[in-house]
Amino acid sequence: MRDENCLFCKIISGEIPSTKVYEDDYVFAFRDINPQAPTHVLVVPKAHIACVDAIDGENSVYVAKSFEAIAKIAKAEGLDTGYRVINNCGEDGGQTVMHLHFHLIGGVKLSEKIV
């Protein structure tokens, strides 16, 4: 379940370097190269799922495992007082890499407005 042309699939496989913060059988997480806060981690399912619209009964376990990983990463990053999880779906939703991913953002008091 890999797309040979996908940036995140290449990062997961190690073809493109990243600063990994977490990995298990289902999830790969790494620091964003353009952080919007002191902590900005991208949490990516290892299965290539284009976006939220492509989640189904066969791949939803990767989404569940992503959120389990988010909680572990937030704790490891010391985000005890809160954080934000963001997903962009489709071009109009701001998605620039067509591989489902979640932005874990924190380390500073975030405004009530969307980032």
PDB file of N, CA and C in Angstrom:
ATOM      1  N   MET A   1       0.836  -1.174   0.000  1.00  0.00           N
ATOM      2  CA  MET A   1       0.000   0.000   0.000  1.00  0.00           C
ATOM      3  C   MET A   1       0.890   1.250   0.000  1.00  0.00           C
ATOM      4  N   ARG A   2       1.637   1.405  -1.079  1.00  0.00           N
ATOM      5  CA  ARG A   2       2.570   2.515  -1.230  1.00  0.00           C
ATOM      6  C   ARG A   2       2.395   3.118  -2.615  1.00  0.00           C
ATOM      7  N   ASP A   3       2.531   4.422  -2.689  1.00  0.00           N
ATOM      8  CA  ASP A   3       2.497   5.125  -3.965  1.00  0.00           C
ATOM      9  C   ASP A   3       3.930   5.567  -4.260  1.00  0.00           C
ATOM     10  N   GLU A   4       4.501   5.055  -5.319  1.00  0.00           N
ATOM     11  CA  GLU A   4       5.900   5.324  -5.667  1.00  0.00           C
ATOM     12  C   GLU A   4       6.195   6.801  -5.890  1.00  0.00           C
ATOM     13  N   ASN A   5       5.177   7.596  -6.215  1.00  0.00           N
ATOM     14  CA  ASN A   5       5.372   9.021  -6.499  1.00  0.00           C
ATOM     15  C   ASN A   5       5.062   9.915  -5.306  1.00  0.00           C
ATOM     16  N   CYS A   6       4.682   9.337  -4.185  1.00  0.00           N
ATOM     17  CA  CYS A   6       4.240  10.108  -3.021  1.00  0.00           C
ATOM     18  C   CYS A   6       5.424  10.514  -2.130  1.00  0.00           C
ATOM     19  N   LEU A   7       5.495  11.806  -1.844  1.00  0.00           N
ATOM     20  CA  LEU A   7       6.553  12.334  -0.975  1.00  0.00           C
ATOM     21  C   LEU A   7       6.572  11.629   0.376  1.00  0.00           C
ATOM     22  N   PHE A   8       5.412  11.497   1.015  1.00  0.00           N
ATOM     23  CA  PHE A   8       5.383  10.887   2.347  1.00  0.00           C
ATOM     24  C   PHE A   8       5.702   9.399   2.297  1.00  0.00           C
ATOM     25  N   CYS A   9       5.298   8.693   1.243  1.00  0.00           N
ATOM     26  CA  CYS A   9       5.681   7.284   1.109  1.00  0.00           C
ATOM     27  C   CYS A   9       7.201   7.162   1.013  1.00  0.00           C
ATOM     28  N   LYS A  10       7.829   8.114   0.321  1.00  0.00           N
ATOM     29  CA  LYS A  10       9.294   8.109   0.200  1.00  0.00           C
ATOM     30  C   LYS A  10       9.957   8.440   1.534  1.00  0.00           C
ATOM     31  N   ILE A  11       9.360   9.314   2.317  1.00  0.00           N
ATOM     32  CA  ILE A  11       9.893   9.618   3.652  1.00  0.00           C
ATOM     33  C   ILE A  11       9.761   8.394   4.551  1.00  0.00           C
ATOM     34  N   ILE A  12       8.613   7.734   4.524  1.00  0.00           N
ATOM     35  CA  ILE A  12       8.384   6.545   5.346  1.00  0.00           C
ATOM     36  C   ILE A  12       9.402   5.453   5.007  1.00  0.00           C
ATOM     37  N   SER A  13       9.706   5.284   3.723  1.00  0.00           N
ATOM     38  CA  SER A  13      10.635   4.221   3.306  1.00  0.00           C
ATOM     39  C   SER A  13      12.096   4.593   3.535  1.00  0.00           C
ATOM     40  N   GLY A  14      12.359   5.862   3.873  1.00  0.00           N
ATOM     41  CA  GLY A  14      13.727   6.295   4.110  1.00  0.00           C
ATOM     42  C   GLY A  14      14.427   6.838   2.866  1.00  0.00           C
ATOM     43  N   GLU A  15      13.732   6.869   1.727  1.00  0.00           N
ATOM     44  CA  GLU A  15      14.328   7.423   0.507  1.00  0.00           C
ATOM     45  C   GLU A  15      14.619   8.914   0.651  1.00  0.00           C
ATOM     46  N   ILE A  16      13.776   9.598   1.396  1.00  0.00           N
ATOM     47  CA  ILE A  16      13.948  11.025   1.661  1.00  0.00           C
ATOM     48  C   ILE A  16      14.155  11.165   3.168  1.00  0.00           C
ATOM     49  N   PRO A  17      15.191  11.867   3.598  1.00  0.00           N
ATOM     50  CA  PRO A  17      15.453  11.991   5.038  1.00  0.00           C
ATOM     51  C   PRO A  17      14.399  12.843   5.752  1.00  0.00           C
ATOM     52  N   SER A  18      14.229  12.540   7.026  1.00  0.00           N
ATOM     53  CA  SER A  18      13.332  13.310   7.887  1.00  0.00           C
ATOM     54  C   SER A  18      13.849  13.209   9.313  1.00  0.00           C
ATOM     55  N   THR A  19      13.271  14.009  10.181  1.00  0.00           N
ATOM     56  CA  THR A  19      13.604  13.928  11.599  1.00  0.00           C
ATOM     57  C   THR A  19      12.490  13.145  12.280  1.00  0.00           C
ATOM     58  N   LYS A  20      12.691  11.851  12.361  1.00  0.00           N
ATOM     59  CA  LYS A  20      11.684  10.945  12.911  1.00  0.00           C
ATOM     60  C   LYS A  20      11.536  11.160  14.411  1.00  0.00           C
ATOM     61  N   VAL A  21      10.282  11.192  14.874  1.00  0.00           N
ATOM     62  CA  VAL A  21      10.029  11.262  16.308  1.00  0.00           C
ATOM     63  C   VAL A  21       9.280  10.034  16.813  1.00  0.00           C
ATOM     64  N   TYR A  22       8.692   9.250  15.896  1.00  0.00           N
ATOM     65  CA  TYR A  22       7.920   8.074  16.314  1.00  0.00           C
ATOM     66  C   TYR A  22       7.736   7.159  15.108  1.00  0.00           C
ATOM     67  N   GLU A  23       7.743   5.854  15.392  1.00  0.00           N
ATOM     68  CA  GLU A  23       7.426   4.876  14.350  1.00  0.00           C
ATOM     69  C   GLU A  23       6.937   3.595  15.002  1.00  0.00           C
ATOM     70  N   ASP A  24       5.899   3.009  14.394  1.00  0.00           N
ATOM     71  CA  ASP A  24       5.461   1.669  14.756  1.00  0.00           C
ATOM     72  C   ASP A  24       5.033   0.973  13.462  1.00  0.00           C
ATOM     73  N   ASP A  25       4.322  -0.137  13.557  1.00  0.00           N
ATOM     74  CA  ASP A  25       3.941  -0.883  12.354  1.00  0.00           C
ATOM     75  C   ASP A  25       2.948  -0.138  11.468  1.00  0.00           C
ATOM     76  N   TYR A  26       2.222   0.825  12.028  1.00  0.00           N
ATOM     77  CA  TYR A  26       1.149   1.509  11.315  1.00  0.00           C
ATOM     78  C   TYR A  26       1.411   2.983  11.012  1.00  0.00           C
ATOM     79  N   VAL A  27       2.310   3.600  11.774  1.00  0.00           N
ATOM     80  CA  VAL A  27       2.447   5.057  11.765  1.00  0.00           C
ATOM     81  C   VAL A  27       3.912   5.474  11.698  1.00  0.00           C
ATOM     82  N   PHE A  28       4.158   6.573  11.000  1.00  0.00           N
ATOM     83  CA  PHE A  28       5.473   7.207  10.973  1.00  0.00           C
ATOM     84  C   PHE A  28       5.244   8.683  11.282  1.00  0.00           C
ATOM     85  N   ALA A  29       6.019   9.247  12.193  1.00  0.00           N
ATOM     86  CA  ALA A  29       5.859  10.658  12.558  1.00  0.00           C
ATOM     87  C   ALA A  29       7.210  11.350  12.518  1.00  0.00           C
ATOM     88  N   PHE A  30       7.188  12.584  11.992  1.00  0.00           N
ATOM     89  CA  PHE A  30       8.427  13.339  11.836  1.00  0.00           C
ATOM     90  C   PHE A  30       8.154  14.828  11.978  1.00  0.00           C
ATOM     91  N   ARG A  31       9.203  15.580  12.244  1.00  0.00           N
ATOM     92  CA  ARG A  31       9.068  17.026  12.433  1.00  0.00           C
ATOM     93  C   ARG A  31       8.804  17.715  11.091  1.00  0.00           C
ATOM     94  N   ASP A  32       7.875  18.671  11.123  1.00  0.00           N
ATOM     95  CA  ASP A  32       7.552  19.449   9.928  1.00  0.00           C
ATOM     96  C   ASP A  32       8.742  20.337   9.573  1.00  0.00           C
ATOM     97  N   ILE A  33       9.043  20.454   8.284  1.00  0.00           N
ATOM     98  CA  ILE A  33      10.183  21.290   7.865  1.00  0.00           C
ATOM     99  C   ILE A  33       9.858  22.779   7.913  1.00  0.00           C
ATOM    100  N   ASN A  34       8.581  23.123   8.072  1.00  0.00           N
ATOM    101  CA  ASN A  34       8.162  24.518   8.180  1.00  0.00           C
ATOM    102  C   ASN A  34       7.246  24.648   9.409  1.00  0.00           C
ATOM    103  N   PRO A  35       7.811  24.509  10.614  1.00  0.00           N
ATOM    104  CA  PRO A  35       6.972  24.445  11.817  1.00  0.00           C
ATOM    105  C   PRO A  35       6.190  25.725  12.081  1.00  0.00           C
ATOM    106  N   GLN A  36       4.948  25.546  12.517  1.00  0.00           N
ATOM    107  CA  GLN A  36       4.067  26.653  12.848  1.00  0.00           C
ATOM    108  C   GLN A  36       4.016  26.918  14.350  1.00  0.00           C
ATOM    109  N   ALA A  37       4.726  26.116  15.129  1.00  0.00           N
ATOM    110  CA  ALA A  37       4.792  26.236  16.591  1.00  0.00           C
ATOM    111  C   ALA A  37       6.054  25.502  17.035  1.00  0.00           C
ATOM    112  N   PRO A  38       6.456  25.668  18.300  1.00  0.00           N
ATOM    113  CA  PRO A  38       7.656  24.964  18.776  1.00  0.00           C
ATOM    114  C   PRO A  38       7.608  23.452  18.530  1.00  0.00           C
ATOM    115  N   THR A  39       6.441  22.856  18.690  1.00  0.00           N
ATOM    116  CA  THR A  39       6.253  21.445  18.340  1.00  0.00           C
ATOM    117  C   THR A  39       5.313  21.391  17.150  1.00  0.00           C
ATOM    118  N   HIS A  40       5.793  20.834  16.054  1.00  0.00           N
ATOM    119  CA  HIS A  40       4.965  20.633  14.861  1.00  0.00           C
ATOM    120  C   HIS A  40       5.426  19.327  14.228  1.00  0.00           C
ATOM    121  N   VAL A  41       4.650  18.293  14.483  1.00  0.00           N
ATOM    122  CA  VAL A  41       4.974  16.942  14.037  1.00  0.00           C
ATOM    123  C   VAL A  41       3.906  16.488  13.050  1.00  0.00           C
ATOM    124  N   LEU A  42       4.332  15.858  11.964  1.00  0.00           N
ATOM    125  CA  LEU A  42       3.399  15.251  11.020  1.00  0.00           C
ATOM    126  C   LEU A  42       3.274  13.773  11.356  1.00  0.00           C
ATOM    127  N   VAL A  43       2.053  13.340  11.559  1.00  0.00           N
ATOM    128  CA  VAL A  43       1.764  11.951  11.898  1.00  0.00           C
ATOM    129  C   VAL A  43       1.103  11.333  10.668  1.00  0.00           C
ATOM    130  N   VAL A  44       1.771  10.323  10.098  1.00  0.00           N
ATOM    131  CA  VAL A  44       1.400   9.803   8.789  1.00  0.00           C
ATOM    132  C   VAL A  44       1.155   8.296   8.868  1.00  0.00           C
ATOM    133  N   PRO A  45      -0.009   7.829   8.418  1.00  0.00           N
ATOM    134  CA  PRO A  45      -0.207   6.380   8.334  1.00  0.00           C
ATOM    135  C   PRO A  45       0.782   5.776   7.335  1.00  0.00           C
ATOM    136  N   LYS A  46       1.276   4.588   7.620  1.00  0.00           N
ATOM    137  CA  LYS A  46       2.210   3.942   6.700  1.00  0.00           C
ATOM    138  C   LYS A  46       1.528   3.444   5.434  1.00  0.00           C
ATOM    139  N   ALA A  47       0.236   3.217   5.483  1.00  0.00           N
ATOM    140  CA  ALA A  47      -0.511   2.860   4.278  1.00  0.00           C
ATOM    141  C   ALA A  47      -0.809   4.142   3.511  1.00  0.00           C
ATOM    142  N   HIS A  48      -0.676   4.096   2.198  1.00  0.00           N
ATOM    143  CA  HIS A  48      -0.999   5.280   1.404  1.00  0.00           C
ATOM    144  C   HIS A  48      -2.518   5.413   1.322  1.00  0.00           C
ATOM    145  N   ILE A  49      -3.026   6.419   2.011  1.00  0.00           N
ATOM    146  CA  ILE A  49      -4.438   6.805   1.974  1.00  0.00           C
ATOM    147  C   ILE A  49      -4.411   8.255   1.517  1.00  0.00           C
ATOM    148  N   ALA A  50      -5.069   8.571   0.417  1.00  0.00           N
ATOM    149  CA  ALA A  50      -4.937   9.902  -0.173  1.00  0.00           C
ATOM    150  C   ALA A  50      -5.413  11.008   0.765  1.00  0.00           C
ATOM    151  N   CYS A  51      -6.582  10.868   1.337  1.00  0.00           N
ATOM    152  CA  CYS A  51      -7.122  11.878   2.249  1.00  0.00           C
ATOM    153  C   CYS A  51      -8.283  11.272   3.022  1.00  0.00           C
ATOM    154  N   VAL A  52      -8.927  12.056   3.847  1.00  0.00           N
ATOM    155  CA  VAL A  52     -10.034  11.565   4.671  1.00  0.00           C
ATOM    156  C   VAL A  52     -11.101  10.894   3.811  1.00  0.00           C
ATOM    157  N   ASP A  53     -11.346  11.421   2.621  1.00  0.00           N
ATOM    158  CA  ASP A  53     -12.367  10.851   1.736  1.00  0.00           C
ATOM    159  C   ASP A  53     -12.075   9.399   1.359  1.00  0.00           C
ATOM    160  N   ALA A  54     -10.833   8.968   1.478  1.00  0.00           N
ATOM    161  CA  ALA A  54     -10.437   7.619   1.072  1.00  0.00           C
ATOM    162  C   ALA A  54     -10.406   6.630   2.245  1.00  0.00           C
ATOM    163  N   ILE A  55     -10.784   7.064   3.436  1.00  0.00           N
ATOM    164  CA  ILE A  55     -10.811   6.147   4.586  1.00  0.00           C
ATOM    165  C   ILE A  55     -11.993   5.204   4.422  1.00  0.00           C
ATOM    166  N   ASP A  56     -11.730   3.907   4.641  1.00  0.00           N
ATOM    167  CA  ASP A  56     -12.793   2.915   4.553  1.00  0.00           C
ATOM    168  C   ASP A  56     -12.559   1.827   5.598  1.00  0.00           C
ATOM    169  N   GLY A  57     -13.386   0.817   5.596  1.00  0.00           N
ATOM    170  CA  GLY A  57     -13.293  -0.254   6.583  1.00  0.00           C
ATOM    171  C   GLY A  57     -11.997  -1.032   6.523  1.00  0.00           C
ATOM    172  N   GLU A  58     -11.354  -1.056   5.369  1.00  0.00           N
ATOM    173  CA  GLU A  58     -10.109  -1.806   5.228  1.00  0.00           C
ATOM    174  C   GLU A  58      -8.891  -1.049   5.739  1.00  0.00           C
ATOM    175  N   ASN A  59      -8.923   0.291   5.711  1.00  0.00           N
ATOM    176  CA  ASN A  59      -7.733   1.045   6.116  1.00  0.00           C
ATOM    177  C   ASN A  59      -7.937   1.900   7.368  1.00  0.00           C
ATOM    178  N   SER A  60      -9.125   1.887   7.926  1.00  0.00           N
ATOM    179  CA  SER A  60      -9.404   2.752   9.082  1.00  0.00           C
ATOM    180  C   SER A  60      -8.567   2.409  10.308  1.00  0.00           C
ATOM    181  N   VAL A  61      -8.030   1.202  10.374  1.00  0.00           N
ATOM    182  CA  VAL A  61      -7.150   0.850  11.489  1.00  0.00           C
ATOM    183  C   VAL A  61      -5.935   1.774  11.517  1.00  0.00           C
ATOM    184  N   TYR A  62      -5.470   2.220  10.353  1.00  0.00           N
ATOM    185  CA  TYR A  62      -4.330   3.129  10.289  1.00  0.00           C
ATOM    186  C   TYR A  62      -4.663   4.494  10.893  1.00  0.00           C
ATOM    187  N   VAL A  63      -5.904   4.907  10.738  1.00  0.00           N
ATOM    188  CA  VAL A  63      -6.345   6.174  11.322  1.00  0.00           C
ATOM    189  C   VAL A  63      -6.424   6.045  12.841  1.00  0.00           C
ATOM    190  N   ALA A  64      -7.002   4.950  13.310  1.00  0.00           N
ATOM    191  CA  ALA A  64      -7.081   4.719  14.755  1.00  0.00           C
ATOM    192  C   ALA A  64      -5.684   4.670  15.364  1.00  0.00           C
ATOM    193  N   LYS A  65      -4.783   3.966  14.722  1.00  0.00           N
ATOM    194  CA  LYS A  65      -3.403   3.871  15.215  1.00  0.00           C
ATOM    195  C   LYS A  65      -2.698   5.223  15.168  1.00  0.00           C
ATOM    196  N   SER A  66      -3.049   6.066  14.186  1.00  0.00           N
ATOM    197  CA  SER A  66      -2.473   7.412  14.114  1.00  0.00           C
ATOM    198  C   SER A  66      -2.854   8.219  15.347  1.00  0.00           C
ATOM    199  N   PHE A  67      -4.124   8.133  15.752  1.00  0.00           N
ATOM    200  CA  PHE A  67      -4.548   8.893  16.928  1.00  0.00           C
ATOM    201  C   PHE A  67      -3.986   8.309  18.221  1.00  0.00           C
ATOM    202  N   GLU A  68      -3.786   7.010  18.279  1.00  0.00           N
ATOM    203  CA  GLU A  68      -3.099   6.428  19.436  1.00  0.00           C
ATOM    204  C   GLU A  68      -1.667   6.966  19.502  1.00  0.00           C
ATOM    205  N   ALA A  69      -1.019   7.055  18.341  1.00  0.00           N
ATOM    206  CA  ALA A  69       0.356   7.578  18.277  1.00  0.00           C
ATOM    207  C   ALA A  69       0.399   9.053  18.656  1.00  0.00           C
ATOM    208  N   ILE A  70      -0.593   9.827  18.220  1.00  0.00           N
ATOM    209  CA  ILE A  70      -0.630  11.254  18.554  1.00  0.00           C
ATOM    210  C   ILE A  70      -0.592  11.448  20.064  1.00  0.00           C
ATOM    211  N   ALA A  71      -1.369  10.681  20.794  1.00  0.00           N
ATOM    212  CA  ALA A  71      -1.384  10.801  22.257  1.00  0.00           C
ATOM    213  C   ALA A  71      -0.007  10.472  22.845  1.00  0.00           C
ATOM    214  N   LYS A  72       0.643   9.447  22.331  1.00  0.00           N
ATOM    215  CA  LYS A  72       1.983   9.073  22.818  1.00  0.00           C
ATOM    216  C   LYS A  72       3.007  10.160  22.496  1.00  0.00           C
ATOM    217  N   ILE A  73       2.952  10.677  21.281  1.00  0.00           N
ATOM    218  CA  ILE A  73       3.912  11.703  20.864  1.00  0.00           C
ATOM    219  C   ILE A  73       3.709  12.976  21.679  1.00  0.00           C
ATOM    220  N   ALA A  74       2.451  13.376  21.870  1.00  0.00           N
ATOM    221  CA  ALA A  74       2.161  14.590  22.653  1.00  0.00           C
ATOM    222  C   ALA A  74       2.736  14.463  24.062  1.00  0.00           C
ATOM    223  N   LYS A  75       2.582  13.298  24.659  1.00  0.00           N
ATOM    224  CA  LYS A  75       3.127  13.085  26.001  1.00  0.00           C
ATOM    225  C   LYS A  75       4.650  13.155  25.972  1.00  0.00           C
ATOM    226  N   ALA A  76       5.266  12.500  24.993  1.00  0.00           N
ATOM    227  CA  ALA A  76       6.730  12.505  24.880  1.00  0.00           C
ATOM    228  C   ALA A  76       7.277  13.899  24.612  1.00  0.00           C
ATOM    229  N   GLU A  77       6.504  14.735  23.927  1.00  0.00           N
ATOM    230  CA  GLU A  77       6.915  16.101  23.605  1.00  0.00           C
ATOM    231  C   GLU A  77       6.618  17.078  24.741  1.00  0.00           C
ATOM    232  N   GLY A  78       5.992  16.588  25.812  1.00  0.00           N
ATOM    233  CA  GLY A  78       5.698  17.445  26.958  1.00  0.00           C
ATOM    234  C   GLY A  78       4.527  18.391  26.748  1.00  0.00           C
ATOM    235  N   LEU A  79       3.604  18.013  25.892  1.00  0.00           N
ATOM    236  CA  LEU A  79       2.454  18.873  25.602  1.00  0.00           C
ATOM    237  C   LEU A  79       1.325  18.621  26.609  1.00  0.00           C
ATOM    238  N   ASP A  80       1.663  18.720  27.884  1.00  0.00           N
ATOM    239  CA  ASP A  80       0.743  18.381  28.964  1.00  0.00           C
ATOM    240  C   ASP A  80      -0.426  19.349  29.112  1.00  0.00           C
ATOM    241  N   THR A  81      -0.266  20.584  28.644  1.00  0.00           N
ATOM    242  CA  THR A  81      -1.334  21.576  28.829  1.00  0.00           C
ATOM    243  C   THR A  81      -2.185  21.758  27.574  1.00  0.00           C
ATOM    244  N   GLY A  82      -1.917  20.974  26.538  1.00  0.00           N
ATOM    245  CA  GLY A  82      -2.755  21.008  25.353  1.00  0.00           C
ATOM    246  C   GLY A  82      -1.999  21.095  24.051  1.00  0.00           C
ATOM    247  N   TYR A  83      -2.701  20.796  22.990  1.00  0.00           N
ATOM    248  CA  TYR A  83      -2.144  20.811  21.637  1.00  0.00           C
ATOM    249  C   TYR A  83      -3.295  20.788  20.651  1.00  0.00           C
ATOM    250  N   ARG A  84      -2.967  20.926  19.374  1.00  0.00           N
ATOM    251  CA  ARG A  84      -3.973  20.911  18.317  1.00  0.00           C
ATOM    252  C   ARG A  84      -3.599  19.834  17.310  1.00  0.00           C
ATOM    253  N   VAL A  85      -4.625  19.149  16.782  1.00  0.00           N
ATOM    254  CA  VAL A  85      -4.456  18.172  15.710  1.00  0.00           C
ATOM    255  C   VAL A  85      -5.249  18.688  14.515  1.00  0.00           C
ATOM    256  N   ILE A  86      -4.573  18.821  13.381  1.00  0.00           N
ATOM    257  CA  ILE A  86      -5.203  19.367  12.179  1.00  0.00           C
ATOM    258  C   ILE A  86      -5.030  18.393  11.020  1.00  0.00           C
ATOM    259  N   ASN A  87      -6.098  18.259  10.232  1.00  0.00           N
ATOM    260  CA  ASN A  87      -6.031  17.502   8.986  1.00  0.00           C
ATOM    261  C   ASN A  87      -6.623  18.359   7.883  1.00  0.00           C
ATOM    262  N   ASN A  88      -5.925  18.426   6.770  1.00  0.00           N
ATOM    263  CA  ASN A  88      -6.417  19.128   5.589  1.00  0.00           C
ATOM    264  C   ASN A  88      -6.819  18.077   4.561  1.00  0.00           C
ATOM    265  N   CYS A  89      -7.990  18.250   3.943  1.00  0.00           N
ATOM    266  CA  CYS A  89      -8.477  17.271   2.970  1.00  0.00           C
ATOM    267  C   CYS A  89      -8.749  17.951   1.640  1.00  0.00           C
ATOM    268  N   GLY A  90      -7.994  17.569   0.628  1.00  0.00           N
ATOM    269  CA  GLY A  90      -8.182  18.095  -0.712  1.00  0.00           C
ATOM    270  C   GLY A  90      -7.524  19.452  -0.908  1.00  0.00           C
ATOM    271  N   GLU A  91      -7.394  19.826  -2.168  1.00  0.00           N
ATOM    272  CA  GLU A  91      -6.710  21.065  -2.511  1.00  0.00           C
ATOM    273  C   GLU A  91      -7.365  22.283  -1.865  1.00  0.00           C
ATOM    274  N   ASP A  92      -8.692  22.382  -1.925  1.00  0.00           N
ATOM    275  CA  ASP A  92      -9.374  23.530  -1.329  1.00  0.00           C
ATOM    276  C   ASP A  92      -9.299  23.524   0.196  1.00  0.00           C
ATOM    277  N   GLY A  93      -9.031  22.366   0.770  1.00  0.00           N
ATOM    278  CA  GLY A  93      -8.860  22.266   2.214  1.00  0.00           C
ATOM    279  C   GLY A  93      -7.440  22.544   2.666  1.00  0.00           C
ATOM    280  N   GLY A  94      -6.557  22.831   1.706  1.00  0.00           N
ATOM    281  CA  GLY A  94      -5.182  23.164   2.049  1.00  0.00           C
ATOM    282  C   GLY A  94      -4.227  21.985   2.034  1.00  0.00           C
ATOM    283  N   GLN A  95      -4.673  20.822   1.563  1.00  0.00           N
ATOM    284  CA  GLN A  95      -3.797  19.656   1.526  1.00  0.00           C
ATOM    285  C   GLN A  95      -2.808  19.806   0.376  1.00  0.00           C
ATOM    286  N   THR A  96      -1.509  19.752   0.687  1.00  0.00           N
ATOM    287  CA  THR A  96      -0.484  19.904  -0.348  1.00  0.00           C
ATOM    288  C   THR A  96       0.196  18.583  -0.695  1.00  0.00           C
ATOM    289  N   VAL A  97       0.187  17.615   0.214  1.00  0.00           N
ATOM    290  CA  VAL A  97       0.699  16.274  -0.065  1.00  0.00           C
ATOM    291  C   VAL A  97      -0.496  15.338   0.033  1.00  0.00           C
ATOM    292  N   MET A  98      -0.792  14.651  -1.054  1.00  0.00           N
ATOM    293  CA  MET A  98      -1.990  13.821  -1.107  1.00  0.00           C
ATOM    294  C   MET A  98      -1.741  12.442  -0.476  1.00  0.00           C
ATOM    295  N   HIS A  99      -1.382  12.494   0.782  1.00  0.00           N
ATOM    296  CA  HIS A  99      -1.227  11.311   1.635  1.00  0.00           C
ATOM    297  C   HIS A  99      -1.772  11.755   2.979  1.00  0.00           C
ATOM    298  N   LEU A 100      -2.776  11.059   3.485  1.00  0.00           N
ATOM    299  CA  LEU A 100      -3.411  11.421   4.750  1.00  0.00           C
ATOM    300  C   LEU A 100      -2.348  11.675   5.815  1.00  0.00           C
ATOM    301  N   HIS A 101      -2.475  12.791   6.510  1.00  0.00           N
ATOM    302  CA  HIS A 101      -1.549  13.093   7.604  1.00  0.00           C
ATOM    303  C   HIS A 101      -2.214  14.063   8.565  1.00  0.00           C
ATOM    304  N   PHE A 102      -1.702  14.047   9.773  1.00  0.00           N
ATOM    305  CA  PHE A 102      -2.233  14.885  10.839  1.00  0.00           C
ATOM    306  C   PHE A 102      -1.102  15.752  11.382  1.00  0.00           C
ATOM    307  N   HIS A 103      -1.373  17.035  11.530  1.00  0.00           N
ATOM    308  CA  HIS A 103      -0.416  17.975  12.107  1.00  0.00           C
ATOM    309  C   HIS A 103      -0.654  18.013  13.610  1.00  0.00           C
ATOM    310  N   LEU A 104       0.356  17.666  14.381  1.00  0.00           N
ATOM    311  CA  LEU A 104       0.325  17.790  15.842  1.00  0.00           C
ATOM    312  C   LEU A 104       1.101  19.060  16.176  1.00  0.00           C
ATOM    313  N   ILE A 105       0.381  20.050  16.704  1.00  0.00           N
ATOM    314  CA  ILE A 105       0.961  21.372  16.920  1.00  0.00           C
ATOM    315  C   ILE A 105       0.791  21.778  18.377  1.00  0.00           C
ATOM    316  N   GLY A 106       1.860  22.256  18.989  1.00  0.00           N
ATOM    317  CA  GLY A 106       1.781  22.697  20.379  1.00  0.00           C
ATOM    318  C   GLY A 106       3.090  23.289  20.847  1.00  0.00           C
ATOM    319  N   GLY A 107       3.219  23.358  22.157  1.00  0.00           N
ATOM    320  CA  GLY A 107       4.429  23.920  22.747  1.00  0.00           C
ATOM    321  C   GLY A 107       4.318  25.403  23.021  1.00  0.00           C
ATOM    322  N   VAL A 108       3.158  25.976  22.723  1.00  0.00           N
ATOM    323  CA  VAL A 108       2.877  27.383  22.949  1.00  0.00           C
ATOM    324  C   VAL A 108       1.356  27.497  23.070  1.00  0.00           C
ATOM    325  N   LYS A 109       0.882  28.522  23.772  1.00  0.00           N
ATOM    326  CA  LYS A 109      -0.563  28.709  23.849  1.00  0.00           C
ATOM    327  C   LYS A 109      -1.065  29.101  22.467  1.00  0.00           C
ATOM    328  N   LEU A 110      -1.948  28.294  21.911  1.00  0.00           N
ATOM    329  CA  LEU A 110      -2.488  28.544  20.590  1.00  0.00           C
ATOM    330  C   LEU A 110      -3.737  29.412  20.682  1.00  0.00           C
ATOM    331  N   SER A 111      -3.938  30.229  19.685  1.00  0.00           N
ATOM    332  CA  SER A 111      -5.144  31.068  19.670  1.00  0.00           C
ATOM    333  C   SER A 111      -6.360  30.203  19.355  1.00  0.00           C
ATOM    334  N   GLU A 112      -7.517  30.761  19.558  1.00  0.00           N
ATOM    335  CA  GLU A 112      -8.741  30.037  19.238  1.00  0.00           C
ATOM    336  C   GLU A 112      -8.989  29.991  17.737  1.00  0.00           C
ATOM    337  N   LYS A 113      -8.272  30.818  16.985  1.00  0.00           N
ATOM    338  CA  LYS A 113      -8.405  30.796  15.537  1.00  0.00           C
ATOM    339  C   LYS A 113      -7.648  29.587  14.975  1.00  0.00           C
ATOM    340  N   ILE A 114      -8.053  29.162  13.805  1.00  0.00           N
ATOM    341  CA  ILE A 114      -7.341  28.076  13.148  1.00  0.00           C
ATOM    342  C   ILE A 114      -5.982  28.603  12.708  1.00  0.00           C
ATOM    343  N   VAL A 115      -4.973  27.759  12.799  1.00  0.00           N
ATOM    344  CA  VAL A 115      -3.595  28.133  12.454  1.00  0.00           C
ATOM    345  C   VAL A 115      -3.521  28.727  11.074  1.00  0.00           C
TER     346      VAL A 115
END
